[in-house]
Structure formats: structure tokens, C-alpha cells
Amino acid sequence: MLENLLVSLNVVFPIFVMLTIGVYVRRKNLVTDQSLSVMNKLVFRIFMSSLLFINISNMDIKSVLDIKNLKLMGVIWGCLFIITILSYFLFEKTMQDRNKIPVMIQGAYRANLALFGIPMAMSLYGDKGLGVMSLVSAGAIPLTNMMAVSLLEGYATKTVNFKKVFISILKNPLIICSTLALVVVFLDIRIPKLIKNPIVSLGQVATPLSFVVLGATLKFDSLVKNLKLSMVANVIKLVILPMIAITIGIKLGFKNEYLLGILGATGAPGAVSSFIMVKEIGGDENLAAELVVSSTLLSILTLFVWIFMLKTFGYL
């Protein structure tokens, strides 16, 4: 029991420390909104993209097309669709403010998978876990983005050029790098060390810098206004969705890094990009920001509990 507790703490505590450093950096005015914006772009366009590219490109075509991996993606996609549909009916019937409905639905399913899932996989299973989590990221990130656009389009409060929005999604560096990495895998391209080594070095910066920037970006004074709504969305996102997905995963025989992949895709907190998309298309951007902040803070506890429980019962 104590060993499982320590393992779970070792996964989650570093995330908490890096977020806290980010909060400290912001409180001491060592960064500004403008510098954080620049750093955030650097993280996702360069460092996180490099990490995702290397992790996926290191896989072989047999593992990508392995029936177990395809079944894993089927579970994740299916659960994301199910929770989205259930959330739609729930919020459509219980909420009158249509600006808030798509934000709540998005908050119930959309996860910061690349940022939270990859460090968990690295901490628990090393390269083996990274490969599975990276493949999950490559499959889940485009899906969640497309679902978000479809939702926000249906409730749009202003005229939007959705062609432009879709193109911006296709230009998402994580999607581009995932696609390029899969091309490398399918064509069995061997990347020369002269090119690969710098990309590996860039990827190693991704995790610590990402969490520091995220911590510095969090604004705690925005948590009060829609607290009840935030709690509803967070319970669905951090408890109900992973509970459904993990239960199905266990029934299908998934364990270890595969079950962790399911947890990462369904139990990670809300993606920062979800707020940006709401702001671009229309909707309650204040609620979107609150969901990102509150889910990030609560996920430190919920991910710890999930990992501890799964370790205790021998599934991780």
C-alpha cells in the first residue's frame, strides 16, 4: 500500500511542483502576459511538437497497426463520443444560457492529453509508456479538436469563418507533427542522428517548461463566478468519463501502459486551447477559462487517486 502511494505521489507531485513554480514566477512579476503568450507558442510549436514527433516516429509500423492499439483507440474514441452525447442532452435540458452549453460539453470531454499524459507515461513506464501515450495523442487530438469546432459552430454567437477555423486546426503543430511522425513510421524512414538528436534535445525541454508556463498562466481570481457549473463539468471530466473508460478498458483486458493511455485521454484536465477556441468562435470565454483553471487544479488530486487505485488493484 505504501509503495503504491509513493509511486502515485512520484507521478503527480512533480507536476504540482512545476505548476507551483509557474505560479511563483507570475506572482513575482518575472513574466508578463505577452511573454507568456510567446512562451506558450514556443512550447507547443517547438518543444511539445518535437517530443510528440520523436515518440511516435520511434514506433514501428507493426505496433501502430497492432490490433491491441487499434482496439485501445476504439475504446477512447467511443467513450469520448458517448460522454459528449450524454453531456449534450444533460446541458441542453438543464441550461438556458446557450453561450455556456457548448463550453460545458467541451469541458466534459476535452483533455490536455499531450501535456499531462506524456509525463505520466514517462514516469511510470519510460519509453514503452511514451510510445503508447504518443500514439493515443496522435489519434485523440485531431478528434477532440474537430468535435469542439462542430459543437461551437452549432451554438455560435457571431458570424465565423469556419473554413478558417478548420484550417487553423489542421495547422495545429501537434497534429502536423503527429501526422509527419506517422508518415515516417509507415514509410520506415530512418532519421539521421544529425537531425534526430536536436529534435530529441528540444523535446526534453517540453515537460518542465510546459508546466511552468501553465502555472504562470492560471488566474485563480476567475474561479468564483461559475463555481457550480465548473464543478459539474469537472466531475464529468475527471471522475465519470475516466471511470467509464477505465471500466471498459479493464473488461477488454487492458493493463499497465495501455490503461494509463486510457486514463490520460479521459482523465487529464481541460486543454488550454479549448479556451482559445471558445474565444475565437464565440461562447462564454470566462466559463471556458474557469474550467481550464479548476480542472487543472483538481486533476492533481484526481489523477493521484486514479493512479493509486489502479496500482493498488494491480492494473498499473
Protein backbone atom coordinates (compact mmCIF):
# COMPACT_ATOMS: atom_id res chain seq x y z
CA MET A 1 0.00 0.00 0.00
CA LEU A 2 2.77 2.44 0.99
CA GLU A 3 4.72 1.57 -2.15
CA ASN A 4 1.70 2.29 -4.35
CA LEU A 5 1.16 5.56 -2.51
CA LEU A 6 4.75 6.62 -3.16
CA VAL A 7 4.57 5.62 -6.84
CA SER A 8 1.38 7.65 -7.29
CA LEU A 9 2.94 10.60 -5.47
CA ASN A 10 6.06 10.39 -7.65
CA VAL A 11 3.89 10.73 -10.76
CA VAL A 12 1.75 13.66 -9.61
CA PHE A 13 3.98 15.62 -7.22
CA PRO A 14 6.49 16.79 -9.89
CA ILE A 15 3.54 18.22 -11.86
CA PHE A 16 2.38 20.07 -8.75
CA VAL A 17 5.89 21.44 -8.12
CA MET A 18 6.30 22.70 -11.69
CA LEU A 19 2.86 24.34 -11.64
CA THR A 20 3.72 25.98 -8.30
CA ILE A 21 6.97 27.34 -9.74
CA GLY A 22 4.92 28.85 -12.56
CA VAL A 23 2.56 30.49 -10.07
CA TYR A 24 5.55 31.85 -8.13
CA VAL A 25 7.14 33.22 -11.30
CA ARG A 26 3.92 35.05 -12.14
CA ARG A 27 3.42 36.41 -8.59
CA LYS A 28 6.96 37.81 -8.64
CA ASN A 29 6.23 39.51 -11.98
CA LEU A 30 9.10 37.70 -13.67
CA VAL A 31 6.85 37.20 -16.69
CA THR A 32 4.11 39.21 -18.38
CA ASP A 33 1.03 38.22 -20.35
CA GLN A 34 2.91 38.99 -23.54
CA SER A 35 5.96 36.90 -22.63
CA LEU A 36 3.73 34.02 -21.51
CA SER A 37 1.93 34.13 -24.84
CA VAL A 38 5.26 33.87 -26.66
CA MET A 39 6.48 31.07 -24.38
CA ASN A 40 3.22 29.16 -24.82
CA LYS A 41 3.63 29.28 -28.59
CA LEU A 42 7.22 28.08 -28.27
CA VAL A 43 6.18 25.18 -26.04
CA PHE A 44 3.51 23.81 -28.37
CA ARG A 45 5.05 24.70 -31.72
CA ILE A 46 8.59 23.64 -30.94
CA PHE A 47 9.17 21.69 -27.73
CA MET A 48 5.97 19.65 -27.28
CA SER A 49 5.74 19.05 -31.03
CA SER A 50 9.32 17.75 -31.04
CA LEU A 51 8.59 15.42 -28.13
CA LEU A 52 5.45 14.04 -29.80
CA PHE A 53 7.23 13.60 -33.15
CA ILE A 54 10.15 11.68 -31.65
CA ASN A 55 7.95 9.43 -29.52
CA ILE A 56 5.68 8.44 -32.41
CA SER A 57 8.44 8.14 -35.01
CA ASN A 58 10.32 5.73 -32.74
CA MET A 59 7.44 3.26 -33.02
CA ASP A 60 7.38 0.58 -35.71
CA ILE A 61 4.53 0.03 -38.14
CA LYS A 62 3.57 -3.28 -36.53
CA SER A 63 2.89 -1.60 -33.19
CA VAL A 64 0.91 1.22 -34.83
CA LEU A 65 -1.33 -1.26 -36.67
CA ASP A 66 -1.36 -3.75 -33.82
CA ILE A 67 -4.91 -4.90 -33.10
CA LYS A 68 -4.45 -4.07 -29.42
CA ASN A 69 -3.52 -0.46 -30.21
CA LEU A 70 -6.43 -0.13 -32.64
CA LYS A 71 -8.78 -1.53 -30.01
CA LEU A 72 -7.33 0.95 -27.49
CA MET A 73 -8.14 3.87 -29.78
CA GLY A 74 -11.61 2.43 -30.34
CA VAL A 75 -12.28 2.47 -26.59
CA ILE A 76 -11.05 6.06 -26.24
CA TRP A 77 -12.96 7.38 -29.27
CA GLY A 78 -16.11 5.54 -28.22
CA CYS A 79 -16.02 6.91 -24.67
CA LEU A 80 -15.38 10.45 -25.88
CA PHE A 81 -18.37 10.24 -28.22
CA ILE A 82 -20.60 8.74 -25.50
CA ILE A 83 -19.78 11.38 -22.87
CA THR A 84 -20.19 14.16 -25.46
CA ILE A 85 -23.68 12.94 -26.43
CA LEU A 86 -24.76 12.44 -22.80
CA SER A 87 -23.42 15.88 -21.86
CA TYR A 88 -25.27 17.45 -24.76
CA PHE A 89 -28.62 16.08 -23.59
CA LEU A 90 -27.87 16.95 -19.96
CA PHE A 91 -26.86 20.57 -20.53
CA GLU A 92 -29.35 21.20 -23.34
CA LYS A 93 -32.21 20.31 -21.00
CA THR A 94 -30.91 21.95 -17.82
CA MET A 95 -29.22 25.17 -19.02
CA GLN A 96 -30.89 28.22 -20.53
CA ASP A 97 -27.78 30.22 -21.43
CA ARG A 98 -26.83 28.85 -24.85
CA ASN A 99 -23.42 30.52 -24.69
CA LYS A 100 -22.50 28.23 -21.82
CA ILE A 101 -23.80 24.92 -23.23
CA PRO A 102 -21.00 24.16 -25.77
CA VAL A 103 -18.38 25.29 -23.27
CA MET A 104 -19.72 22.86 -20.67
CA ILE A 105 -19.88 20.00 -23.19
CA GLN A 106 -16.32 20.70 -24.31
CA GLY A 107 -15.23 20.89 -20.68
CA ALA A 108 -16.72 17.46 -20.07
CA TYR A 109 -14.62 15.61 -22.64
CA ARG A 110 -11.63 17.62 -23.90
CA ALA A 111 -8.32 16.76 -22.22
CA ASN A 112 -4.86 18.28 -22.08
CA LEU A 113 -3.51 14.90 -23.15
CA ALA A 114 -0.13 15.87 -24.59
CA LEU A 115 0.81 17.95 -21.56
CA PHE A 116 -0.41 15.62 -18.77
CA GLY A 117 -0.43 12.17 -20.39
CA ILE A 118 3.14 12.08 -21.64
CA PRO A 119 4.79 12.95 -18.27
CA MET A 120 2.66 10.28 -16.54
CA ALA A 121 3.66 7.68 -19.11
CA MET A 122 7.32 8.68 -18.85
CA SER A 123 7.26 8.48 -15.07
CA LEU A 124 5.58 5.08 -14.84
CA TYR A 125 6.71 3.13 -17.92
CA GLY A 126 9.54 5.01 -19.62
CA ASP A 127 9.89 4.61 -23.39
CA LYS A 128 7.29 1.82 -23.53
CA GLY A 129 4.68 4.04 -21.96
CA LEU A 130 5.71 7.02 -24.07
CA GLY A 131 5.09 5.07 -27.27
CA VAL A 132 1.53 4.14 -26.30
CA MET A 133 0.68 7.60 -24.94
CA SER A 134 2.09 9.28 -28.04
CA LEU A 135 0.00 7.06 -30.30
CA VAL A 136 -3.08 7.88 -28.21
CA SER A 137 -2.24 11.58 -28.57
CA ALA A 138 -1.91 11.25 -32.32
CA GLY A 139 -5.36 9.69 -32.52
CA ALA A 140 -7.21 11.73 -29.91
CA ILE A 141 -6.01 15.29 -30.50
CA PRO A 142 -7.45 15.70 -34.03
CA LEU A 143 -10.74 14.10 -32.96
CA THR A 144 -11.27 16.33 -29.92
CA ASN A 145 -10.46 19.45 -31.97
CA MET A 146 -12.95 18.53 -34.70
CA MET A 147 -15.65 17.74 -32.15
CA ALA A 148 -15.06 21.10 -30.44
CA VAL A 149 -15.45 23.01 -33.72
CA SER A 150 -18.68 21.15 -34.54
CA LEU A 151 -20.10 21.92 -31.10
CA LEU A 152 -19.15 25.57 -31.08
CA GLU A 153 -20.41 26.02 -34.63
CA GLY A 154 -23.88 24.85 -33.60
CA TYR A 155 -24.06 27.43 -30.81
CA ALA A 156 -22.02 30.20 -32.44
CA THR A 157 -23.00 33.67 -31.24
CA LYS A 158 -21.23 35.52 -34.03
CA THR A 159 -20.52 35.02 -37.71
CA VAL A 160 -17.46 32.83 -38.02
CA ASN A 161 -15.35 31.72 -40.95
CA PHE A 162 -15.32 28.02 -40.12
CA LYS A 163 -13.14 27.23 -43.10
CA LYS A 164 -10.52 29.43 -41.46
CA VAL A 165 -11.05 27.67 -38.11
CA PHE A 166 -10.67 24.20 -39.64
CA ILE A 167 -7.54 25.30 -41.48
CA SER A 168 -6.13 26.62 -38.20
CA ILE A 169 -6.81 23.20 -36.63
CA LEU A 170 -5.04 21.47 -39.49
CA LYS A 171 -2.14 23.85 -38.86
CA ASN A 172 -2.02 22.77 -35.21
CA PRO A 173 1.66 21.84 -34.69
CA LEU A 174 0.76 18.79 -32.60
CA ILE A 175 -1.45 17.46 -35.40
CA ILE A 176 1.16 18.25 -38.06
CA CYS A 177 3.98 16.58 -36.11
CA SER A 178 1.83 13.54 -35.29
CA THR A 179 0.99 13.16 -38.98
CA LEU A 180 4.62 13.57 -40.07
CA ALA A 181 5.72 11.04 -37.46
CA LEU A 182 3.16 8.50 -38.71
CA VAL A 183 4.42 9.06 -42.26
CA VAL A 184 7.93 8.31 -41.02
CA VAL A 185 6.65 5.13 -39.35
CA PHE A 186 4.62 3.87 -42.32
CA LEU A 187 7.38 4.61 -44.86
CA ASP A 188 10.01 3.19 -42.49
CA ILE A 189 12.17 6.29 -42.83
CA ARG A 190 15.36 6.30 -40.77
CA ILE A 191 16.02 9.79 -39.44
CA PRO A 192 19.76 10.63 -39.43
CA LYS A 193 21.23 11.31 -36.00
CA LEU A 194 22.35 14.70 -37.25
CA ILE A 195 18.67 15.68 -37.44
CA LYS A 196 17.21 13.42 -34.76
CA ASN A 197 19.47 14.45 -31.86
CA PRO A 198 18.50 18.16 -31.90
CA ILE A 199 14.81 17.20 -32.03
CA VAL A 200 15.30 14.89 -29.04
CA SER A 201 17.00 17.71 -27.12
CA LEU A 202 14.14 20.09 -27.91
CA GLY A 203 11.62 17.51 -26.75
CA GLN A 204 13.35 17.15 -23.39
CA VAL A 205 12.54 20.79 -22.64
CA ALA A 206 8.82 20.30 -23.27
CA THR A 207 7.52 18.89 -20.00
CA PRO A 208 9.12 21.19 -17.38
CA LEU A 209 8.66 24.36 -19.40
CA SER A 210 5.06 23.47 -20.30
CA PHE A 211 4.01 23.11 -16.68
CA VAL A 212 5.84 26.24 -15.54
CA VAL A 213 4.13 28.25 -18.29
CA LEU A 214 0.77 26.68 -17.45
CA GLY A 215 1.21 27.51 -13.76
CA ALA A 216 2.08 31.10 -14.61
CA THR A 217 -0.98 31.34 -16.86
CA LEU A 218 -3.50 30.19 -14.24
CA LYS A 219 -5.63 33.02 -12.88
CA PHE A 220 -7.25 31.98 -9.60
CA ASP A 221 -9.45 35.06 -9.28
CA SER A 222 -11.61 33.73 -12.12
CA LEU A 223 -12.80 30.64 -10.24
CA VAL A 224 -15.73 32.03 -8.26
CA LYS A 225 -18.29 33.26 -10.78
CA ASN A 226 -19.29 29.91 -12.30
CA LEU A 227 -18.14 27.62 -9.49
CA LYS A 228 -21.18 25.31 -9.54
CA LEU A 229 -21.04 24.85 -13.30
CA SER A 230 -17.30 24.22 -13.13
CA MET A 231 -17.78 21.52 -10.52
CA VAL A 232 -20.40 19.74 -12.65
CA ALA A 233 -18.15 19.75 -15.73
CA ASN A 234 -15.12 18.69 -13.68
CA VAL A 235 -16.93 15.76 -12.06
CA ILE A 236 -17.91 14.51 -15.51
CA LYS A 237 -14.44 15.13 -16.95
CA LEU A 238 -12.21 13.96 -14.10
CA VAL A 239 -14.37 11.24 -12.49
CA ILE A 240 -17.26 9.93 -14.60
CA LEU A 241 -15.55 9.85 -18.02
CA PRO A 242 -12.36 8.08 -16.85
CA MET A 243 -14.46 5.72 -14.69
CA ILE A 244 -16.46 4.63 -17.75
CA ALA A 245 -13.39 4.36 -19.98
CA ILE A 246 -11.21 2.55 -17.43
CA THR A 247 -14.01 0.09 -16.61
CA ILE A 248 -14.43 -0.75 -20.30
CA GLY A 249 -10.66 -0.95 -20.71
CA ILE A 250 -10.31 -3.40 -17.82
CA LYS A 251 -13.18 -5.53 -19.17
CA LEU A 252 -11.33 -5.72 -22.50
CA GLY A 253 -8.13 -6.81 -20.76
CA PHE A 254 -6.07 -3.62 -20.89
CA LYS A 255 -3.43 -3.13 -18.22
CA ASN A 256 -0.29 -1.12 -17.49
CA GLU A 257 0.71 1.44 -20.15
CA TYR A 258 -2.46 0.77 -22.18
CA LEU A 259 -4.75 1.52 -19.25
CA LEU A 260 -2.63 4.57 -18.46
CA GLY A 261 -3.22 5.71 -22.05
CA ILE A 262 -6.96 5.50 -21.43
CA LEU A 263 -6.59 7.46 -18.18
CA GLY A 264 -4.52 10.13 -19.91
CA ALA A 265 -7.03 10.59 -22.73
CA THR A 266 -10.06 10.73 -20.45
CA GLY A 267 -8.87 11.88 -17.02
CA ALA A 268 -6.49 14.73 -17.84
CA PRO A 269 -7.74 18.29 -17.17
CA GLY A 270 -9.15 20.68 -19.75
CA ALA A 271 -6.93 21.81 -22.61
CA VAL A 272 -5.79 25.45 -22.64
CA SER A 273 -6.57 25.50 -26.38
CA SER A 274 -10.27 24.97 -25.55
CA PHE A 275 -10.40 28.49 -24.09
CA ILE A 276 -8.68 29.92 -27.15
CA MET A 277 -11.18 28.22 -29.46
CA VAL A 278 -14.19 29.47 -27.48
CA LYS A 279 -12.79 32.99 -27.64
CA GLU A 280 -12.31 32.70 -31.41
CA ILE A 281 -15.69 31.20 -32.33
CA GLY A 282 -17.93 32.66 -29.66
CA GLY A 283 -19.34 31.49 -26.35
CA ASP A 284 -18.73 32.14 -22.69
CA GLU A 285 -14.97 32.58 -22.65
CA ASN A 286 -14.94 33.35 -18.91
CA LEU A 287 -16.51 29.97 -18.16
CA ALA A 288 -14.03 28.31 -20.53
CA ALA A 289 -11.13 29.89 -18.66
CA GLU A 290 -12.57 28.83 -15.30
CA LEU A 291 -12.93 25.23 -16.49
CA VAL A 292 -9.28 25.11 -17.53
CA VAL A 293 -8.06 26.52 -14.21
CA SER A 294 -10.34 24.49 -11.94
CA SER A 295 -9.85 21.19 -13.80
CA THR A 296 -6.07 21.66 -13.77
CA LEU A 297 -6.03 22.19 -10.01
CA LEU A 298 -8.46 19.35 -9.25
CA SER A 299 -6.68 16.93 -11.59
CA ILE A 300 -3.65 16.90 -9.30
CA LEU A 301 -5.87 15.15 -6.74
CA THR A 302 -7.99 13.03 -9.09
CA LEU A 303 -5.05 11.72 -11.13
CA PHE A 304 -3.27 10.82 -7.90
CA VAL A 305 -6.34 8.89 -6.71
CA TRP A 306 -6.81 7.13 -10.07
CA ILE A 307 -3.16 6.06 -10.26
CA PHE A 308 -3.12 4.95 -6.64
CA MET A 309 -6.31 2.89 -7.03
CA LEU A 310 -5.18 1.27 -10.28
CA LYS A 311 -1.77 0.46 -8.79
CA THR A 312 -3.38 -0.97 -5.65
CA PHE A 313 -5.64 -3.32 -7.64
CA GLY A 314 -2.78 -4.36 -9.92
CA TYR A 315 -3.92 -2.72 -13.14
CA LEU A 316 -0.93 -0.37 -13.45
